[in-house]
C-alpha cells in the first residue's frame, strides 16, 4: 500500500489515502474531514503512481 496526500476538492483540507499499487481504478469515497463525496481516479504502472485525480461530485 502507498500513502498518498492530497487536498479535498470540497473543503481543501489535506487528507491522505492508502492506495493499492496493484489496481488502477476510478471510485467514489467520502472526505474524512467534510464527508462530501470525492471521485478518485488512480493509475499505476509497474507499481508506481503515474496519475491521481480527485474531483468533487454531487454539485
PDB file of N, CA and C in Angstrom:
ATOM      1  N   UNK A   1       0.841  -1.176   0.000  1.00  0.00           N
ATOM      2  CA  UNK A   1       0.000   0.000   0.000  1.00  0.00           C
ATOM      3  C   UNK A   1       0.894   1.251   0.000  1.00  0.00           C
ATOM      4  N   UNK A   2       0.410   2.271  -0.687  1.00  0.00           N
ATOM      5  CA  UNK A   2       1.132   3.539  -0.784  1.00  0.00           C
ATOM      6  C   UNK A   2       0.263   4.633  -0.182  1.00  0.00           C
ATOM      7  N   UNK A   3       0.816   5.406   0.741  1.00  0.00           N
ATOM      8  CA  UNK A   3       0.071   6.537   1.302  1.00  0.00           C
ATOM      9  C   UNK A   3       0.244   7.736   0.376  1.00  0.00           C
ATOM     10  N   UNK A   4      -0.889   8.350   0.007  1.00  0.00           N
ATOM     11  CA  UNK A   4      -0.872   9.500  -0.904  1.00  0.00           C
ATOM     12  C   UNK A   4      -1.632  10.645  -0.252  1.00  0.00           C
ATOM     13  N   UNK A   5      -1.037  11.837  -0.228  1.00  0.00           N
ATOM     14  CA  UNK A   5      -1.656  13.029   0.355  1.00  0.00           C
ATOM     15  C   UNK A   5      -2.186  13.926  -0.754  1.00  0.00           C
ATOM     16  N   UNK A   6      -3.364  14.520  -0.533  1.00  0.00           N
ATOM     17  CA  UNK A   6      -3.965  15.441  -1.500  1.00  0.00           C
ATOM     18  C   UNK A   6      -4.957  16.344  -0.784  1.00  0.00           C
ATOM     19  N   UNK A   7      -5.412  17.382  -1.465  1.00  0.00           N
ATOM     20  CA  UNK A   7      -6.394  18.310  -0.905  1.00  0.00           C
ATOM     21  C   UNK A   7      -7.795  17.927  -1.370  1.00  0.00           C
ATOM     22  N   UNK A   8      -8.729  17.928  -0.443  1.00  0.00           N
ATOM     23  CA  UNK A   8     -10.120  17.657  -0.778  1.00  0.00           C
ATOM     24  C   UNK A   8     -10.625  18.771  -1.695  1.00  0.00           C
ATOM     25  N   UNK A   9     -11.300  18.440  -2.790  1.00  0.00           N
ATOM     26  CA  UNK A   9     -11.813  19.468  -3.697  1.00  0.00           C
ATOM     27  C   UNK A   9     -13.019  20.221  -3.142  1.00  0.00           C
ATOM     28  N   UNK A  10     -13.555  19.784  -2.021  1.00  0.00           N
ATOM     29  CA  UNK A  10     -14.682  20.463  -1.377  1.00  0.00           C
ATOM     30  C   UNK A  10     -14.213  21.428  -0.294  1.00  0.00           C
ATOM     31  N   UNK A  11     -13.454  20.906   0.682  1.00  0.00           N
ATOM     32  CA  UNK A  11     -13.072  21.709   1.854  1.00  0.00           C
ATOM     33  C   UNK A  11     -11.606  22.146   1.835  1.00  0.00           C
ATOM     34  N   UNK A  12     -10.821  21.634   0.876  1.00  0.00           N
ATOM     35  CA  UNK A  12      -9.410  21.980   0.672  1.00  0.00           C
ATOM     36  C   UNK A  12      -8.494  21.553   1.822  1.00  0.00           C
ATOM     37  N   UNK A  13      -8.983  20.686   2.704  1.00  0.00           N
ATOM     38  CA  UNK A  13      -8.141  20.165   3.771  1.00  0.00           C
ATOM     39  C   UNK A  13      -7.226  19.078   3.216  1.00  0.00           C
ATOM     40  N   UNK A  14      -6.032  18.990   3.760  1.00  0.00           N
ATOM     41  CA  UNK A  14      -5.073  17.958   3.371  1.00  0.00           C
ATOM     42  C   UNK A  14      -5.514  16.639   3.997  1.00  0.00           C
ATOM     43  N   UNK A  15      -5.704  15.623   3.170  1.00  0.00           N
ATOM     44  CA  UNK A  15      -6.061  14.299   3.660  1.00  0.00           C
ATOM     45  C   UNK A  15      -5.148  13.271   3.002  1.00  0.00           C
ATOM     46  N   UNK A  16      -5.155  12.071   3.546  1.00  0.00           N
ATOM     47  CA  UNK A  16      -4.327  11.013   2.964  1.00  0.00           C
ATOM     48  C   UNK A  16      -5.175   9.782   2.718  1.00  0.00           C
ATOM     49  N   UNK A  17      -4.725   8.975   1.781  1.00  0.00           N
ATOM     50  CA  UNK A  17      -5.374   7.712   1.453  1.00  0.00           C
ATOM     51  C   UNK A  17      -4.321   6.662   1.215  1.00  0.00           C
ATOM     52  N   UNK A  18      -4.669   5.430   1.539  1.00  0.00           N
ATOM     53  CA  UNK A  18      -3.809   4.304   1.205  1.00  0.00           C
ATOM     54  C   UNK A  18      -4.274   3.743  -0.129  1.00  0.00           C
ATOM     55  N   UNK A  19      -3.362   3.679  -1.070  1.00  0.00           N
ATOM     56  CA  UNK A  19      -3.663   3.203  -2.419  1.00  0.00           C
ATOM     57  C   UNK A  19      -2.966   1.877  -2.657  1.00  0.00           C
ATOM     58  N   UNK A  20      -3.657   0.976  -3.318  1.00  0.00           N
ATOM     59  CA  UNK A  20      -3.096  -0.330  -3.643  1.00  0.00           C
ATOM     60  C   UNK A  20      -2.477  -0.261  -5.040  1.00  0.00           C
ATOM     61  N   UNK A  21      -1.153  -0.374  -5.149  1.00  0.00           N
ATOM     62  CA  UNK A  21      -0.493  -0.246  -6.451  1.00  0.00           C
ATOM     63  C   UNK A  21      -0.817  -1.384  -7.424  1.00  0.00           C
ATOM     64  N   UNK A  22      -1.553  -2.369  -6.982  1.00  0.00           N
ATOM     65  CA  UNK A  22      -1.930  -3.460  -7.880  1.00  0.00           C
ATOM     66  C   UNK A  22      -3.113  -3.079  -8.763  1.00  0.00           C
ATOM     67  N   UNK A  23      -3.791  -1.961  -8.449  1.00  0.00           N
ATOM     68  CA  UNK A  23      -5.019  -1.602  -9.165  1.00  0.00           C
ATOM     69  C   UNK A  23      -5.014  -0.155  -9.631  1.00  0.00           C
ATOM     70  N   UNK A  24      -5.347   0.052 -10.902  1.00  0.00           N
ATOM     71  CA  UNK A  24      -5.698   1.366 -11.418  1.00  0.00           C
ATOM     72  C   UNK A  24      -7.217   1.387 -11.461  1.00  0.00           C
ATOM     73  N   UNK A  25      -7.821   2.450 -10.918  1.00  0.00           N
ATOM     74  CA  UNK A  25      -9.270   2.446 -10.832  1.00  0.00           C
ATOM     75  C   UNK A  25      -9.842   3.841 -10.643  1.00  0.00           C
ATOM     76  N   UNK A  26     -11.152   3.943 -10.812  1.00  0.00           N
ATOM     77  CA  UNK A  26     -11.907   5.149 -10.506  1.00  0.00           C
ATOM     78  C   UNK A  26     -13.023   4.744  -9.555  1.00  0.00           C
ATOM     79  N   UNK A  27     -13.142   5.472  -8.455  1.00  0.00           N
ATOM     80  CA  UNK A  27     -14.161   5.145  -7.459  1.00  0.00           C
ATOM     81  C   UNK A  27     -14.513   6.391  -6.655  1.00  0.00           C
ATOM     82  N   UNK A  28     -15.561   6.297  -5.840  1.00  0.00           N
ATOM     83  CA  UNK A  28     -16.018   7.411  -5.015  1.00  0.00           C
ATOM     84  C   UNK A  28     -15.783   7.069  -3.555  1.00  0.00           C
ATOM     85  N   UNK A  29     -15.221   8.037  -2.838  1.00  0.00           N
ATOM     86  CA  UNK A  29     -15.010   7.886  -1.401  1.00  0.00           C
ATOM     87  C   UNK A  29     -15.311   9.226  -0.739  1.00  0.00           C
ATOM     88  N   UNK A  30     -15.855   9.195   0.465  1.00  0.00           N
ATOM     89  CA  UNK A  30     -16.162  10.424   1.185  1.00  0.00           C
ATOM     90  C   UNK A  30     -14.917  11.004   1.832  1.00  0.00           C
ATOM     91  N   UNK A  31     -14.829  12.342   1.842  1.00  0.00           N
ATOM     92  CA  UNK A  31     -13.740  13.030   2.528  1.00  0.00           C
ATOM     93  C   UNK A  31     -13.821  12.733   4.016  1.00  0.00           C
ATOM     94  N   UNK A  32     -12.695  12.436   4.637  1.00  0.00           N
ATOM     95  CA  UNK A  32     -12.676  12.128   6.065  1.00  0.00           C
ATOM     96  C   UNK A  32     -12.870  13.373   6.925  1.00  0.00           C
ATOM     97  N   UNK A  33     -12.782  14.569   6.340  1.00  0.00           N
ATOM     98  CA  UNK A  33     -12.953  15.809   7.086  1.00  0.00           C
ATOM     99  C   UNK A  33     -14.371  16.355   6.931  1.00  0.00           C
ATOM    100  N   UNK A  34     -14.825  16.573   5.680  1.00  0.00           N
ATOM    101  CA  UNK A  34     -16.127  17.219   5.445  1.00  0.00           C
ATOM    102  C   UNK A  34     -17.223  16.242   5.031  1.00  0.00           C
ATOM    103  N   UNK A  35     -16.881  14.990   4.778  1.00  0.00           N
ATOM    104  CA  UNK A  35     -17.817  13.912   4.424  1.00  0.00           C
ATOM    105  C   UNK A  35     -18.473  14.063   3.051  1.00  0.00           C
ATOM    106  N   UNK A  36     -18.018  14.995   2.223  1.00  0.00           N
ATOM    107  CA  UNK A  36     -18.546  15.121   0.869  1.00  0.00           C
ATOM    108  C   UNK A  36     -17.903  14.074  -0.031  1.00  0.00           C
ATOM    109  N   UNK A  37     -18.633  13.610  -1.061  1.00  0.00           N
ATOM    110  CA  UNK A  37     -18.086  12.574  -1.949  1.00  0.00           C
ATOM    111  C   UNK A  37     -17.022  13.129  -2.895  1.00  0.00           C
ATOM    112  N   UNK A  38     -15.979  12.340  -3.091  1.00  0.00           N
ATOM    113  CA  UNK A  38     -14.874  12.683  -3.987  1.00  0.00           C
ATOM    114  C   UNK A  38     -14.730  11.538  -4.983  1.00  0.00           C
ATOM    115  N   UNK A  39     -14.674  11.878  -6.271  1.00  0.00           N
ATOM    116  CA  UNK A  39     -14.386  10.871  -7.287  1.00  0.00           C
ATOM    117  C   UNK A  39     -12.868  10.816  -7.469  1.00  0.00           C
ATOM    118  N   UNK A  40     -12.309   9.654  -7.230  1.00  0.00           N
ATOM    119  CA  UNK A  40     -10.865   9.454  -7.309  1.00  0.00           C
ATOM    120  C   UNK A  40     -10.525   8.615  -8.535  1.00  0.00           C
ATOM    121  N   UNK A  41      -9.580   9.082  -9.311  1.00  0.00           N
ATOM    122  CA  UNK A  41      -9.055   8.319 -10.443  1.00  0.00           C
ATOM    123  C   UNK A  41      -7.575   8.086 -10.181  1.00  0.00           C
ATOM    124  N   UNK A  42      -7.199   6.823 -10.118  1.00  0.00           N
ATOM    125  CA  UNK A  42      -5.840   6.438  -9.736  1.00  0.00           C
ATOM    126  C   UNK A  42      -5.277   5.504 -10.804  1.00  0.00           C
ATOM    127  N   UNK A  43      -4.051   5.778 -11.249  1.00  0.00           N
ATOM    128  CA  UNK A  43      -3.406   4.915 -12.244  1.00  0.00           C
ATOM    129  C   UNK A  43      -1.988   4.578 -11.800  1.00  0.00           C
ATOM    130  N   UNK A  44      -1.647   3.308 -11.930  1.00  0.00           N
ATOM    131  CA  UNK A  44      -0.318   2.812 -11.597  1.00  0.00           C
ATOM    132  C   UNK A  44       0.287   2.144 -12.819  1.00  0.00           C
ATOM    133  N   UNK A  45       1.607   2.240 -12.947  1.00  0.00           N
ATOM    134  CA  UNK A  45       2.369   1.481 -13.937  1.00  0.00           C
ATOM    135  C   UNK A  45       3.581   0.904 -13.231  1.00  0.00           C
ATOM    136  N   UNK A  46       3.749  -0.384 -13.349  1.00  0.00           N
ATOM    137  CA  UNK A  46       4.863  -1.087 -12.695  1.00  0.00           C
ATOM    138  C   UNK A  46       4.954  -0.756 -11.209  1.00  0.00           C
ATOM    139  N   UNK A  47       3.798  -0.657 -10.549  1.00  0.00           N
ATOM    140  CA  UNK A  47       3.760  -0.410  -9.112  1.00  0.00           C
ATOM    141  C   UNK A  47       3.995   1.028  -8.691  1.00  0.00           C
ATOM    142  N   UNK A  48       4.146   1.938  -9.659  1.00  0.00           N
ATOM    143  CA  UNK A  48       4.356   3.355  -9.337  1.00  0.00           C
ATOM    144  C   UNK A  48       3.144   4.176  -9.734  1.00  0.00           C
ATOM    145  N   UNK A  49       2.781   5.131  -8.886  1.00  0.00           N
ATOM    146  CA  UNK A  49       1.661   6.021  -9.149  1.00  0.00           C
ATOM    147  C   UNK A  49       2.028   6.965 -10.283  1.00  0.00           C
ATOM    148  N   UNK A  50       1.257   6.921 -11.372  1.00  0.00           N
ATOM    149  CA  UNK A  50       1.539   7.780 -12.527  1.00  0.00           C
ATOM    150  C   UNK A  50       0.459   8.841 -12.723  1.00  0.00           C
ATOM    151  N   UNK A  51      -0.711   8.629 -12.100  1.00  0.00           N
ATOM    152  CA  UNK A  51      -1.784   9.610 -12.237  1.00  0.00           C
ATOM    153  C   UNK A  51      -2.709   9.520 -11.037  1.00  0.00           C
ATOM    154  N   UNK A  52      -3.081  10.688 -10.482  1.00  0.00           N
ATOM    155  CA  UNK A  52      -4.037  10.757  -9.375  1.00  0.00           C
ATOM    156  C   UNK A  52      -4.868  12.010  -9.570  1.00  0.00           C
ATOM    157  N   UNK A  53      -6.186  11.847  -9.558  1.00  0.00           N
ATOM    158  CA  UNK A  53      -7.076  12.997  -9.681  1.00  0.00           C
ATOM    159  C   UNK A  53      -8.220  12.844  -8.697  1.00  0.00           C
ATOM    160  N   UNK A  54      -8.501  13.924  -7.969  1.00  0.00           N
ATOM    161  CA  UNK A  54      -9.614  13.957  -7.022  1.00  0.00           C
ATOM    162  C   UNK A  54     -10.559  15.070  -7.467  1.00  0.00           C
ATOM    163  N   UNK A  55     -11.804  14.678  -7.812  1.00  0.00           N
ATOM    164  CA  UNK A  55     -12.788  15.640  -8.309  1.00  0.00           C
ATOM    165  C   UNK A  55     -13.999  15.651  -7.383  1.00  0.00           C
ATOM    166  N   UNK A  56     -14.576  16.848  -7.206  1.00  0.00           N
ATOM    167  CA  UNK A  56     -15.819  16.917  -6.449  1.00  0.00           C
ATOM    168  C   UNK A  56     -16.968  16.439  -7.332  1.00  0.00           C
ATOM    169  N   UNK A  57     -17.927  15.786  -6.707  1.00  0.00           N
ATOM    170  CA  UNK A  57     -19.110  15.345  -7.416  1.00  0.00           C
ATOM    171  C   UNK A  57     -20.333  15.765  -6.604  1.00  0.00           C
ATOM    172  N   UNK A  58     -21.480  15.663  -7.200  1.00  0.00           N
ATOM    173  CA  UNK A  58     -22.697  15.988  -6.491  1.00  0.00           C
ATOM    174  C   UNK A  58     -23.043  17.458  -6.484  1.00  0.00           C
ATOM    175  N   UNK A  59     -22.403  18.246  -7.340  1.00  0.00           N
ATOM    176  CA  UNK A  59     -22.682  19.679  -7.389  1.00  0.00           C
ATOM    177  C   UNK A  59     -23.636  19.972  -8.516  1.00  0.00           C
TER     178      UNK A  59
END
